[in-house]
Amino acid sequence: MDWRERTELTLAGLAAERPARPMIFVALFALVMFLPGFFSLPPIDRDETRFAQASRQMAQSGDYIDIRLGEGTRYKKPVGIYWLQAAAVKLVGESHVNEIWVYRLPSLVMGVAVCLLTYLIALSLIGAQGALVAALLMAVCFVLGGEARLAKTDATLLTTVLAAQLVLARLHMRGAEALRGGWPWLFWGAMGGSTLIKGPIGPMVVGLTVLALIALRRGVRWLAPLRWGRGLLLFAVIVLPWYVAITVKSGDAFWAEALGRDLIGKIGEGQESHGAPFGAYALAVWLSFWPASILLPFGLWFAWRARRDRAVLFCLAWLLPSWLVFEFTATKLIHYVMPTYPALAVLCAAGWLARPDEALRRPYRLFLAAFLLLGLGLAAAPVIFTLQYGTGPGLIWALGVAFTLVGIWFVWSRMCDGARLSPVLGLGLLSLGLSVSLFGHLARFEHIWPSNALADLHVQAQEMCDQPAYFSVGYAEPSLMLLSRKLPRFVGAEEAAGALPEAGAGCALIFVEDRQRVDFDISAPRKGEVIGRVEGFGLGGAEELGITAYLFR
């Protein structure tokens, strides 16, 4: 028996164990996938840094009702994610309040939880081996890996959706006996938590699943074990206190922003240049679900072949209605459709394990070869970008490419040899290779992180004079707020010039972006000392930037 056969048998033996051991393996596997770049990636503008900075201000102010960003409010999303990130700050210690990895901790934990919940759902639907494969497919999924590294809502939202879908899957497959004990409270607690994280999105996905299952099962009596009366009361107890409190505090400002401009606005038109036609997600899934999308043809085949199977019906009821809603929504981002990906992972795992015992057919071999070459292209792409700015490949990028090449060989050889479980380890190498070559490599590319250099100049200015006033003209990225010990004021050229202290009466540090420099020089009553200049590429605005730092004293 060679190492290939031993690997296959080891995974089969692991899958056959009681759930605790496979779940430990899944959690460790997911951490290996998610950790490259987690600590080293600087704050990414703009959404991540907006969430993190608002959470920082919440933790520092002690106001856990209102959501503030700088001198304004941040009402696009409910309070749940800010509570989790503020809790992470308190847990780690406020000495790390400027470090972005602290705010990413909830997403990392929830990313691992997504994989574990996918395992438990699949265990109810397709058995032990399928559950292990489905969980590992979610762990290697590119879009989940990205969200597990970002201080945003989406990994946490998906966790709440999966907790509710786990209860539904048990009820659908095994009936009322599967919901004895606290299972109904998990369902309603997850729905309440989801509503505090991202409003109606989580309940919409779960609700559409319920409606589709009602239509398929032609009745509602099977839902009685969810204890709707007490469950809705628990939901209200979780959700209403904060929503009432923020309404009292903000009037209609929260609802106007969260529902009017954010949610309804995204449905009607593509906001912030994120519009795309119907069908965009069906095309994007081959990349956003990559490398798990290598098994997607088997998932589609199995969904059609076994479309009357009870487990497949559950996955389709989960997948199709929500997918259609996301496709019809005008604003599209690749992570929006992520709440449906665990259903895809279950179908892909079931289809791969149910395939005929024969050699892979030529059309799929061509597809596999193309997608493995795509993996090599994705791993190589980051260095092409950095070479444009004179930054060479580096050891980190080379390590990522090496992982990718080993993964390509492993996936091709094991799939063509007819292995059932071990090819997923090869997909893990592909995912790890992309993570290292992308996140690990770009984290060390200073040109795209101008806020880092600007924050260092703020530290330098504090050493040159006592507590300088702090302004930024033309550069208003929230990452500068997060990285600075003192909040900068984002103002126009004339306002910054008007706020300058008189000579000898204090000092001020002013960052001026090149496009505002002429206006500032005209408006300033006197010349400042240039203590530094930063040039770079702003990810938030996707533009080249030049920023001069002036110290007035």
Protein backbone atom coordinates (compact mmCIF):
# COMPACT_ATOMS: atom_id res chain seq x y z
CA MET A 1 0.00 0.00 0.00
CA ASP A 2 1.57 3.31 -1.09
CA TRP A 3 1.03 6.75 0.44
CA ARG A 4 -1.84 7.56 -1.93
CA GLU A 5 -3.87 4.59 -0.76
CA ARG A 6 -2.98 5.28 2.86
CA THR A 7 -4.19 8.88 2.50
CA GLU A 8 -7.48 7.71 1.04
CA LEU A 9 -8.02 5.14 3.75
CA THR A 10 -7.08 7.61 6.49
CA LEU A 11 -9.67 10.10 5.27
CA ALA A 12 -12.29 7.36 4.97
CA GLY A 13 -11.53 6.25 8.51
CA LEU A 14 -11.71 9.84 9.75
CA ALA A 15 -15.08 10.34 8.09
CA ALA A 16 -16.41 7.21 9.78
CA GLU A 17 -15.46 8.46 13.26
CA ARG A 18 -17.87 10.13 15.63
CA PRO A 19 -18.44 13.76 14.53
CA ALA A 20 -16.03 15.29 17.06
CA ARG A 21 -12.82 14.11 15.34
CA PRO A 22 -13.86 15.03 11.76
CA MET A 23 -14.97 18.44 13.04
CA ILE A 24 -11.60 19.05 14.70
CA PHE A 25 -9.91 18.16 11.41
CA VAL A 26 -12.25 20.48 9.48
CA ALA A 27 -11.57 23.36 11.89
CA LEU A 28 -7.78 22.95 11.64
CA PHE A 29 -7.98 22.59 7.85
CA ALA A 30 -10.05 25.78 7.62
CA LEU A 31 -7.59 27.72 9.79
CA VAL A 32 -4.73 26.69 7.51
CA MET A 33 -6.74 28.00 4.55
CA PHE A 34 -7.75 31.29 6.22
CA LEU A 35 -4.65 32.40 8.15
CA PRO A 36 -2.26 33.42 5.31
CA GLY A 37 -2.42 37.21 5.24
CA PHE A 38 -4.82 37.42 8.17
CA PHE A 39 -2.37 39.27 10.42
CA SER A 40 -0.15 40.86 7.78
CA LEU A 41 -2.73 42.40 5.44
CA PRO A 42 -3.11 46.12 6.25
CA PRO A 43 -6.63 47.58 6.61
CA ILE A 44 -8.43 47.37 3.27
CA ASP A 45 -10.50 50.36 2.17
CA ARG A 46 -13.27 51.00 2.26
CA ASP A 47 -15.87 48.66 3.76
CA GLU A 48 -13.56 46.78 6.10
CA THR A 49 -12.07 49.91 7.58
CA ARG A 50 -15.47 51.55 7.99
CA PHE A 51 -16.68 48.59 10.06
CA ALA A 52 -13.47 48.43 12.08
CA GLN A 53 -13.28 52.16 12.78
CA ALA A 54 -16.93 52.31 13.85
CA SER A 55 -16.31 49.36 16.18
CA ARG A 56 -13.20 51.06 17.55
CA GLN A 57 -15.18 54.20 18.36
CA MET A 58 -17.93 52.10 19.97
CA ALA A 59 -15.42 50.28 22.19
CA GLN A 60 -13.70 53.52 23.17
CA SER A 61 -16.87 55.53 23.79
CA GLY A 62 -18.80 52.80 25.61
CA ASP A 63 -21.92 53.71 23.60
CA TYR A 64 -23.21 50.34 22.34
CA ILE A 65 -26.42 51.73 20.83
CA ASP A 66 -25.28 54.39 18.38
CA ILE A 67 -22.90 53.62 15.50
CA ARG A 68 -20.41 56.41 14.78
CA LEU A 69 -17.81 56.76 12.04
CA GLY A 70 -15.51 59.69 12.56
CA GLU A 71 -17.70 62.72 13.21
CA GLY A 72 -20.72 61.16 11.47
CA THR A 73 -22.88 58.05 11.74
CA ARG A 74 -22.65 54.60 10.17
CA TYR A 75 -26.21 53.33 9.75
CA LYS A 76 -25.94 51.06 6.70
CA LYS A 77 -25.94 47.88 8.80
CA PRO A 78 -27.40 46.97 12.21
CA VAL A 79 -25.30 46.78 15.33
CA GLY A 80 -24.47 43.06 15.61
CA ILE A 81 -21.09 43.08 13.87
CA TYR A 82 -19.97 46.16 15.80
CA TRP A 83 -20.77 44.43 19.09
CA LEU A 84 -18.69 41.42 18.06
CA GLN A 85 -15.74 43.52 16.93
CA ALA A 86 -15.91 45.76 19.99
CA ALA A 87 -15.95 42.60 22.13
CA ALA A 88 -12.81 41.43 20.30
CA VAL A 89 -11.11 44.72 21.22
CA LYS A 90 -12.05 44.29 24.88
CA LEU A 91 -10.88 40.66 24.83
CA VAL A 92 -7.49 41.33 23.22
CA GLY A 93 -6.89 44.64 24.97
CA GLU A 94 -7.20 48.26 23.90
CA SER A 95 -3.45 48.49 23.36
CA HIS A 96 -4.20 46.76 20.02
CA VAL A 97 -7.05 49.09 19.10
CA ASN A 98 -5.27 50.32 15.92
CA GLU A 99 -4.47 46.82 14.63
CA ILE A 100 -6.88 45.52 12.02
CA TRP A 101 -6.45 41.83 12.86
CA VAL A 102 -8.33 42.38 16.13
CA TYR A 103 -11.45 43.41 14.21
CA ARG A 104 -11.04 40.45 11.87
CA LEU A 105 -11.22 37.90 14.69
CA PRO A 106 -15.03 37.50 14.57
CA SER A 107 -14.85 36.83 10.82
CA LEU A 108 -12.11 34.23 11.29
CA VAL A 109 -14.06 32.43 14.01
CA MET A 110 -17.25 32.56 11.96
CA GLY A 111 -15.44 31.34 8.84
CA VAL A 112 -14.39 28.23 10.73
CA ALA A 113 -17.94 27.91 12.11
CA VAL A 114 -19.30 28.00 8.55
CA CYS A 115 -17.23 24.93 7.67
CA LEU A 116 -18.31 23.09 10.82
CA LEU A 117 -21.98 23.88 10.27
CA THR A 118 -21.70 22.79 6.65
CA TYR A 119 -20.35 19.49 7.94
CA LEU A 120 -23.30 19.05 10.31
CA ILE A 121 -25.86 19.96 7.66
CA ALA A 122 -24.31 17.60 5.13
CA LEU A 123 -24.14 14.89 7.79
CA SER A 124 -27.93 15.09 8.07
CA LEU A 125 -28.36 15.10 4.29
CA ILE A 126 -25.76 12.90 2.58
CA GLY A 127 -23.83 10.95 5.21
CA ALA A 128 -20.39 11.01 6.78
CA GLN A 129 -18.05 10.96 3.76
CA GLY A 130 -20.13 13.54 1.90
CA ALA A 131 -20.19 15.73 5.01
CA LEU A 132 -16.40 15.72 5.26
CA VAL A 133 -15.98 16.56 1.58
CA ALA A 134 -18.63 19.32 1.67
CA ALA A 135 -17.05 20.97 4.71
CA LEU A 136 -13.59 20.93 3.11
CA LEU A 137 -15.03 22.36 -0.11
CA MET A 138 -16.34 25.33 1.86
CA ALA A 139 -12.96 25.74 3.53
CA VAL A 140 -11.18 26.03 0.16
CA CYS A 141 -13.83 28.32 -1.39
CA PHE A 142 -12.17 31.59 -2.45
CA VAL A 143 -14.94 33.97 -1.46
CA LEU A 144 -15.31 32.49 2.03
CA GLY A 145 -11.54 32.66 2.48
CA GLY A 146 -11.66 36.33 1.58
CA GLU A 147 -14.51 37.09 3.98
CA ALA A 148 -12.82 35.17 6.82
CA ARG A 149 -9.91 37.63 6.50
CA LEU A 150 -12.00 40.81 6.45
CA ALA A 151 -13.62 42.70 9.31
CA LYS A 152 -17.08 42.68 7.70
CA THR A 153 -20.49 41.11 8.19
CA ASP A 154 -20.65 38.33 5.63
CA ALA A 155 -18.91 35.41 7.36
CA THR A 156 -20.98 36.09 10.48
CA LEU A 157 -24.19 36.40 8.45
CA LEU A 158 -23.50 33.05 6.79
CA THR A 159 -22.94 31.41 10.19
CA THR A 160 -26.37 32.53 11.39
CA VAL A 161 -28.00 31.32 8.17
CA LEU A 162 -26.32 27.91 8.49
CA ALA A 163 -27.36 27.53 12.12
CA ALA A 164 -30.99 27.98 11.08
CA GLN A 165 -30.60 25.76 8.01
CA LEU A 166 -29.13 23.01 10.19
CA VAL A 167 -32.35 22.94 12.21
CA LEU A 168 -34.43 22.92 9.02
CA ALA A 169 -32.34 20.12 7.50
CA ARG A 170 -32.82 17.94 10.57
CA LEU A 171 -36.57 18.62 10.59
CA HIS A 172 -36.89 17.98 6.85
CA MET A 173 -34.96 14.71 6.92
CA ARG A 174 -36.01 13.16 10.23
CA GLY A 175 -39.17 14.92 11.38
CA ALA A 176 -40.15 16.13 14.84
CA GLU A 177 -37.93 13.66 16.72
CA ALA A 178 -34.84 15.48 15.41
CA LEU A 179 -35.90 18.72 17.13
CA ARG A 180 -36.20 17.55 20.70
CA GLY A 181 -34.47 19.75 23.22
CA GLY A 182 -33.11 23.15 22.28
CA TRP A 183 -33.06 22.85 18.51
CA PRO A 184 -36.03 25.20 17.90
CA TRP A 185 -34.35 27.84 20.07
CA LEU A 186 -31.23 27.57 17.94
CA PHE A 187 -33.35 28.31 14.87
CA TRP A 188 -35.00 31.41 16.31
CA GLY A 189 -31.85 32.58 18.03
CA ALA A 190 -29.98 32.35 14.72
CA MET A 191 -32.71 34.35 12.99
CA GLY A 192 -32.56 37.01 15.67
CA GLY A 193 -28.79 37.20 15.50
CA SER A 194 -28.91 37.34 11.70
CA THR A 195 -31.32 40.28 11.82
CA LEU A 196 -28.94 42.15 14.12
CA ILE A 197 -26.03 41.43 11.74
CA LYS A 198 -27.47 42.33 8.34
CA GLY A 199 -31.15 43.04 8.69
CA PRO A 200 -33.53 40.96 6.55
CA ILE A 201 -30.98 39.14 4.37
CA GLY A 202 -30.55 36.06 6.58
CA PRO A 203 -34.28 35.65 7.33
CA MET A 204 -34.93 36.08 3.61
CA VAL A 205 -32.66 33.15 2.65
CA VAL A 206 -34.10 30.90 5.35
CA GLY A 207 -37.65 32.07 4.70
CA LEU A 208 -37.39 31.34 0.98
CA THR A 209 -36.09 27.87 1.83
CA VAL A 210 -39.10 27.30 4.08
CA LEU A 211 -41.54 28.54 1.42
CA ALA A 212 -39.96 26.32 -1.24
CA LEU A 213 -40.15 23.29 1.06
CA ILE A 214 -43.78 24.08 1.87
CA ALA A 215 -44.53 24.04 -1.84
CA LEU A 216 -42.60 20.81 -2.38
CA ARG A 217 -44.14 19.06 0.63
CA ARG A 218 -47.58 20.56 0.00
CA GLY A 219 -48.27 21.53 3.57
CA VAL A 220 -47.09 23.36 6.67
CA ARG A 221 -47.84 20.93 9.48
CA TRP A 222 -44.32 19.53 9.36
CA LEU A 223 -43.08 22.94 10.60
CA ALA A 224 -44.96 22.73 13.92
CA PRO A 225 -41.93 21.46 15.92
CA LEU A 226 -40.28 24.86 15.41
CA ARG A 227 -42.59 26.19 18.14
CA TRP A 228 -43.58 29.30 16.26
CA GLY A 229 -45.27 31.16 19.11
CA ARG A 230 -42.45 30.99 21.64
CA GLY A 231 -39.90 31.13 18.84
CA LEU A 232 -41.19 34.43 17.48
CA LEU A 233 -41.22 35.76 21.03
CA LEU A 234 -37.54 34.83 21.41
CA PHE A 235 -36.84 36.48 18.05
CA ALA A 236 -38.55 39.68 19.23
CA VAL A 237 -36.66 39.66 22.54
CA ILE A 238 -33.35 39.45 20.64
CA VAL A 239 -34.13 41.99 17.93
CA LEU A 240 -36.47 44.65 19.27
CA PRO A 241 -34.48 46.23 22.15
CA TRP A 242 -31.70 47.59 19.96
CA TYR A 243 -33.97 48.55 17.05
CA VAL A 244 -36.20 50.48 19.45
CA ALA A 245 -33.20 52.09 21.14
CA ILE A 246 -31.60 53.25 17.87
CA THR A 247 -34.94 54.62 16.68
CA VAL A 248 -35.28 56.63 19.88
CA LYS A 249 -31.70 57.87 19.56
CA SER A 250 -31.57 58.64 15.83
CA GLY A 251 -35.19 59.27 14.92
CA ASP A 252 -35.73 58.11 11.36
CA ALA A 253 -32.06 58.53 10.39
CA PHE A 254 -31.18 54.85 10.89
CA TRP A 255 -34.15 53.59 8.87
CA ALA A 256 -33.61 56.12 6.09
CA GLU A 257 -29.99 55.01 5.72
CA ALA A 258 -30.30 51.26 6.33
CA LEU A 259 -33.51 50.62 4.42
CA GLY A 260 -33.88 53.56 2.07
CA ARG A 261 -30.39 54.19 0.77
CA ASP A 262 -28.67 50.86 1.45
CA LEU A 263 -31.11 47.95 1.08
CA ILE A 264 -33.80 49.34 -1.23
CA GLY A 265 -31.24 51.37 -3.15
CA LYS A 266 -29.22 48.24 -3.95
CA ILE A 267 -32.30 46.40 -5.17
CA GLY A 268 -33.31 49.12 -7.58
CA GLU A 269 -29.99 50.18 -9.07
CA GLY A 270 -26.34 49.18 -9.08
CA GLN A 271 -24.72 51.25 -6.36
CA GLU A 272 -21.07 52.38 -6.41
CA SER A 273 -20.51 50.97 -9.92
CA HIS A 274 -21.46 47.45 -8.78
CA GLY A 275 -24.31 46.85 -11.20
CA ALA A 276 -24.36 43.72 -13.37
CA PRO A 277 -26.96 41.93 -15.53
CA PHE A 278 -28.99 38.87 -14.64
CA GLY A 279 -26.81 35.78 -14.83
CA ALA A 280 -23.67 37.48 -13.56
CA TYR A 281 -23.52 35.24 -10.48
CA ALA A 282 -23.92 32.11 -12.61
CA LEU A 283 -20.76 33.13 -14.47
CA ALA A 284 -18.86 34.42 -11.44
CA VAL A 285 -19.42 31.27 -9.37
CA TRP A 286 -16.74 29.41 -11.33
CA LEU A 287 -14.20 31.86 -9.88
CA SER A 288 -15.76 32.84 -6.56
CA PHE A 289 -16.34 29.18 -5.60
CA TRP A 290 -12.91 28.17 -6.95
CA PRO A 291 -11.23 25.69 -6.47
CA ALA A 292 -14.35 23.90 -5.20
CA SER A 293 -15.93 24.78 -8.57
CA ILE A 294 -13.75 22.04 -10.08
CA LEU A 295 -16.39 19.65 -8.71
CA LEU A 296 -19.32 21.84 -9.72
CA PRO A 297 -20.14 19.83 -12.88
CA PHE A 298 -20.69 16.77 -10.68
CA GLY A 299 -22.91 18.80 -8.37
CA LEU A 300 -25.08 20.01 -11.27
CA TRP A 301 -25.26 16.50 -12.70
CA PHE A 302 -26.25 15.04 -9.35
CA ALA A 303 -28.84 17.75 -8.67
CA TRP A 304 -30.59 16.85 -11.92
CA ARG A 305 -30.22 13.09 -11.66
CA ALA A 306 -31.40 12.89 -8.03
CA ARG A 307 -33.78 15.86 -8.14
CA ARG A 308 -36.54 13.90 -6.34
CA ASP A 309 -34.27 12.79 -3.52
CA ARG A 310 -35.25 14.35 -0.18
CA ALA A 311 -31.75 15.71 0.52
CA VAL A 312 -31.38 17.16 -2.97
CA LEU A 313 -34.79 18.81 -2.69
CA PHE A 314 -33.63 20.54 0.48
CA CYS A 315 -30.49 21.84 -1.24
CA LEU A 316 -32.46 23.05 -4.25
CA ALA A 317 -35.06 24.74 -2.02
CA TRP A 318 -32.18 26.53 -0.31
CA LEU A 319 -30.24 27.35 -3.46
CA LEU A 320 -32.60 28.31 -6.26
CA PRO A 321 -35.06 30.86 -4.77
CA SER A 322 -32.34 32.92 -3.05
CA TRP A 323 -30.05 32.71 -6.07
CA LEU A 324 -32.80 34.12 -8.28
CA VAL A 325 -33.41 36.99 -5.86
CA PHE A 326 -29.73 37.87 -5.86
CA GLU A 327 -29.61 37.66 -9.66
CA PHE A 328 -32.57 40.04 -9.98
CA THR A 329 -31.03 42.52 -7.53
CA ALA A 330 -29.34 45.34 -9.42
CA THR A 331 -26.28 45.75 -7.17
CA LYS A 332 -24.02 42.71 -7.36
CA LEU A 333 -20.90 41.77 -5.42
CA ILE A 334 -19.47 38.26 -5.44
CA HIS A 335 -20.05 37.70 -1.72
CA TYR A 336 -23.77 38.55 -1.84
CA VAL A 337 -24.67 35.07 -3.09
CA MET A 338 -22.40 33.33 -0.56
CA PRO A 339 -25.35 32.21 1.68
CA THR A 340 -26.20 29.69 -1.04
CA TYR A 341 -22.69 28.23 -1.41
CA PRO A 342 -22.97 25.58 1.32
CA ALA A 343 -25.89 24.06 -0.60
CA LEU A 344 -23.63 23.98 -3.67
CA ALA A 345 -20.88 22.35 -1.60
CA VAL A 346 -23.26 19.60 -0.43
CA LEU A 347 -24.42 18.92 -4.00
CA CYS A 348 -20.83 18.88 -5.29
CA ALA A 349 -19.73 16.47 -2.57
CA ALA A 350 -22.69 14.17 -3.19
CA GLY A 351 -22.19 14.26 -6.95
CA TRP A 352 -18.46 13.57 -6.75
CA LEU A 353 -18.95 10.59 -4.43
CA ALA A 354 -21.86 9.25 -6.51
CA ARG A 355 -20.09 9.37 -9.86
CA PRO A 356 -19.72 6.11 -11.81
CA ASP A 357 -16.68 3.91 -11.13
CA GLU A 358 -15.02 4.63 -14.43
CA ALA A 359 -12.23 6.82 -15.73
CA LEU A 360 -12.98 10.52 -16.05
CA ARG A 361 -14.39 11.22 -19.48
CA ARG A 362 -12.49 13.35 -21.96
CA PRO A 363 -14.76 16.45 -21.76
CA TYR A 364 -14.30 16.62 -18.01
CA ARG A 365 -10.55 16.00 -18.31
CA LEU A 366 -10.35 19.02 -20.61
CA PHE A 367 -12.41 21.04 -18.15
CA LEU A 368 -10.17 19.91 -15.28
CA ALA A 369 -6.99 20.79 -17.18
CA ALA A 370 -8.35 24.25 -17.99
CA PHE A 371 -9.32 24.95 -14.39
CA LEU A 372 -6.01 23.73 -13.03
CA LEU A 373 -4.21 26.05 -15.44
CA LEU A 374 -6.57 28.79 -14.25
CA GLY A 375 -5.29 28.12 -10.74
CA LEU A 376 -1.74 28.69 -11.90
CA GLY A 377 -2.82 31.93 -13.59
CA LEU A 378 -4.54 33.17 -10.45
CA ALA A 379 -1.46 32.45 -8.36
CA ALA A 380 0.79 34.24 -10.86
CA ALA A 381 -1.44 37.31 -11.34
CA PRO A 382 -0.44 39.24 -8.16
CA VAL A 383 3.21 39.47 -9.19
CA ILE A 384 2.21 40.83 -12.62
CA PHE A 385 0.46 43.71 -10.82
CA THR A 386 3.38 44.44 -8.52
CA LEU A 387 5.97 44.24 -11.31
CA GLN A 388 4.30 47.29 -12.86
CA TYR A 389 5.53 49.25 -9.84
CA GLY A 390 9.01 47.75 -9.72
CA THR A 391 8.42 45.18 -6.98
CA GLY A 392 9.83 41.73 -7.68
CA PRO A 393 8.23 38.36 -6.94
CA GLY A 394 9.70 37.63 -3.51
CA LEU A 395 9.86 34.41 -1.49
CA ILE A 396 6.24 34.60 -0.30
CA TRP A 397 4.89 34.70 -3.85
CA ALA A 398 7.21 31.88 -4.92
CA LEU A 399 5.98 29.77 -2.00
CA GLY A 400 2.38 30.34 -3.10
CA VAL A 401 3.17 29.28 -6.66
CA ALA A 402 4.95 26.18 -5.32
CA PHE A 403 1.85 25.20 -3.33
CA THR A 404 -0.23 25.70 -6.47
CA LEU A 405 2.01 23.53 -8.63
CA VAL A 406 1.96 20.70 -6.08
CA GLY A 407 -1.81 21.08 -5.83
CA ILE A 408 -2.21 20.86 -9.60
CA TRP A 409 -0.21 17.64 -9.71
CA PHE A 410 -2.04 16.18 -6.72
CA VAL A 411 -5.56 16.98 -7.95
CA TRP A 412 -4.89 15.73 -11.48
CA SER A 413 -3.23 12.48 -10.39
CA ARG A 414 -5.71 11.61 -7.65
CA MET A 415 -8.83 12.44 -9.67
CA CYS A 416 -7.59 10.56 -12.70
CA ASP A 417 -6.71 7.57 -10.46
CA GLY A 418 -10.30 7.41 -9.24
CA ALA A 419 -9.67 8.52 -5.65
CA ARG A 420 -12.80 9.72 -3.84
CA LEU A 421 -11.68 11.70 -0.81
CA SER A 422 -8.02 12.69 -1.15
CA PRO A 423 -8.52 15.03 -4.17
CA VAL A 424 -10.03 17.52 -1.72
CA LEU A 425 -6.62 17.81 -0.06
CA GLY A 426 -5.25 18.83 -3.44
CA LEU A 427 -7.94 21.49 -3.69
CA GLY A 428 -6.69 22.69 -0.32
CA LEU A 429 -3.18 23.08 -1.75
CA LEU A 430 -4.61 25.11 -4.64
CA SER A 431 -6.51 27.33 -2.21
CA LEU A 432 -3.47 27.71 0.03
CA GLY A 433 -1.30 28.58 -2.95
CA LEU A 434 -3.66 31.35 -4.05
CA SER A 435 -3.95 32.68 -0.49
CA VAL A 436 -0.19 32.89 -0.02
CA SER A 437 0.58 34.31 -3.47
CA LEU A 438 -2.27 36.84 -3.28
CA PHE A 439 -2.80 37.91 0.33
CA GLY A 440 0.68 37.12 1.60
CA HIS A 441 2.43 38.77 -1.34
CA LEU A 442 0.26 41.91 -1.55
CA ALA A 443 0.53 42.47 2.20
CA ARG A 444 4.20 43.27 1.65
CA PHE A 445 3.59 45.58 -1.32
CA GLU A 446 3.73 49.02 0.33
CA HIS A 447 2.57 50.96 -2.73
CA ILE A 448 -1.09 50.00 -2.25
CA TRP A 449 -1.19 50.88 1.46
CA PRO A 450 -0.66 54.69 1.56
CA SER A 451 -2.47 55.04 4.90
CA ASN A 452 0.33 53.04 6.58
CA ALA A 453 2.94 55.60 5.54
CA LEU A 454 0.66 58.52 6.43
CA ALA A 455 0.05 57.11 9.91
CA ASP A 456 3.81 56.86 10.38
CA LEU A 457 4.11 60.55 9.42
CA HIS A 458 1.51 61.37 12.07
CA VAL A 459 3.68 59.62 14.67
CA GLN A 460 6.68 61.59 13.40
CA ALA A 461 4.76 64.87 13.68
CA GLN A 462 3.79 64.09 17.29
CA GLU A 463 7.48 63.76 18.10
CA MET A 464 8.21 67.16 16.48
CA CYS A 465 5.51 69.11 18.33
CA ASP A 466 2.99 68.53 21.10
CA GLN A 467 -0.47 67.24 20.10
CA PRO A 468 -0.69 68.71 16.58
CA ALA A 469 -4.09 69.41 15.07
CA TYR A 470 -4.67 66.76 12.42
CA PHE A 471 -6.28 67.35 9.00
CA SER A 472 -6.43 65.58 5.66
CA VAL A 473 -7.36 67.38 2.46
CA GLY A 474 -8.46 65.30 -0.53
CA TYR A 475 -7.63 61.93 1.08
CA ALA A 476 -10.46 60.63 3.25
CA GLU A 477 -9.97 56.86 3.50
CA PRO A 478 -11.23 55.34 6.77
CA SER A 479 -8.01 53.30 7.06
CA LEU A 480 -6.25 56.55 8.02
CA MET A 481 -8.68 56.95 10.93
CA LEU A 482 -8.11 53.40 12.11
CA LEU A 483 -4.32 53.51 11.92
CA SER A 484 -3.96 56.89 13.62
CA ARG A 485 -3.96 57.36 17.37
CA LYS A 486 -5.92 60.59 16.88
CA LEU A 487 -8.82 60.94 14.45
CA PRO A 488 -7.97 63.15 11.47
CA ARG A 489 -10.49 65.70 10.27
CA PHE A 490 -11.30 65.28 6.59
CA VAL A 491 -11.81 68.80 5.30
CA GLY A 492 -11.50 70.93 2.17
CA ALA A 493 -8.49 73.07 1.31
CA GLU A 494 -10.00 76.35 2.50
CA GLU A 495 -11.27 74.90 5.79
CA ALA A 496 -7.87 73.38 6.55
CA ALA A 497 -6.12 76.64 5.78
CA GLY A 498 -8.57 78.56 7.97
CA ALA A 499 -7.94 76.21 10.91
CA LEU A 500 -4.18 76.75 10.97
CA PRO A 501 -2.86 78.05 14.30
CA GLU A 502 -0.89 81.27 14.30
CA ALA A 503 2.87 80.89 14.29
CA GLY A 504 4.09 79.94 17.75
CA ALA A 505 0.56 79.34 19.08
CA GLY A 506 0.39 75.61 18.37
CA CYS A 507 1.01 73.20 15.55
CA ALA A 508 -0.93 71.33 12.87
CA LEU A 509 -0.25 68.38 10.59
CA ILE A 510 -2.05 68.57 7.25
CA PHE A 511 -2.01 65.92 4.51
CA VAL A 512 -2.79 67.44 1.12
CA GLU A 513 -3.56 65.29 -1.92
CA ASP A 514 -2.02 66.60 -5.15
CA ARG A 515 -5.32 67.59 -6.75
CA GLN A 516 -6.03 69.89 -3.78
CA ARG A 517 -2.52 71.23 -3.42
CA VAL A 518 -2.88 74.39 -5.51
CA ASP A 519 -6.08 75.39 -3.71
CA PHE A 520 -4.46 74.76 -0.35
CA ASP A 521 -1.30 76.75 -1.19
CA ILE A 522 -3.45 79.70 -2.29
CA SER A 523 -5.63 79.54 0.85
CA ALA A 524 -2.89 78.96 3.45
CA PRO A 525 -1.78 82.17 5.19
CA ARG A 526 1.79 80.89 5.50
CA LYS A 527 3.97 78.07 4.28
CA GLY A 528 4.37 74.87 6.21
CA GLU A 529 7.32 72.56 6.60
CA VAL A 530 7.18 69.54 4.30
CA ILE A 531 7.97 66.54 6.52
CA GLY A 532 7.17 63.81 4.01
CA ARG A 533 5.47 62.74 0.83
CA VAL A 534 3.57 59.54 0.07
CA GLU A 535 2.82 58.18 -3.38
CA GLY A 536 0.74 55.09 -3.92
CA PHE A 537 -2.33 53.41 -5.33
CA GLY A 538 -5.55 53.88 -3.36
CA LEU A 539 -7.58 50.67 -3.34
CA GLY A 540 -10.70 52.50 -2.16
CA GLY A 541 -10.85 54.79 -5.16
CA ALA A 542 -8.75 52.62 -7.52
CA GLU A 543 -6.52 55.58 -8.38
CA GLU A 544 -2.94 56.80 -8.16
CA LEU A 545 -2.33 59.18 -5.29
CA GLY A 546 0.30 61.71 -4.28
CA ILE A 547 0.02 63.21 -0.79
CA THR A 548 2.25 65.82 0.84
CA ALA A 549 2.53 66.16 4.62
CA TYR A 550 2.85 69.73 5.94
CA LEU A 551 3.69 70.61 9.53
CA PHE A 552 2.78 74.12 10.69
CA ARG A 553 4.22 75.34 13.98
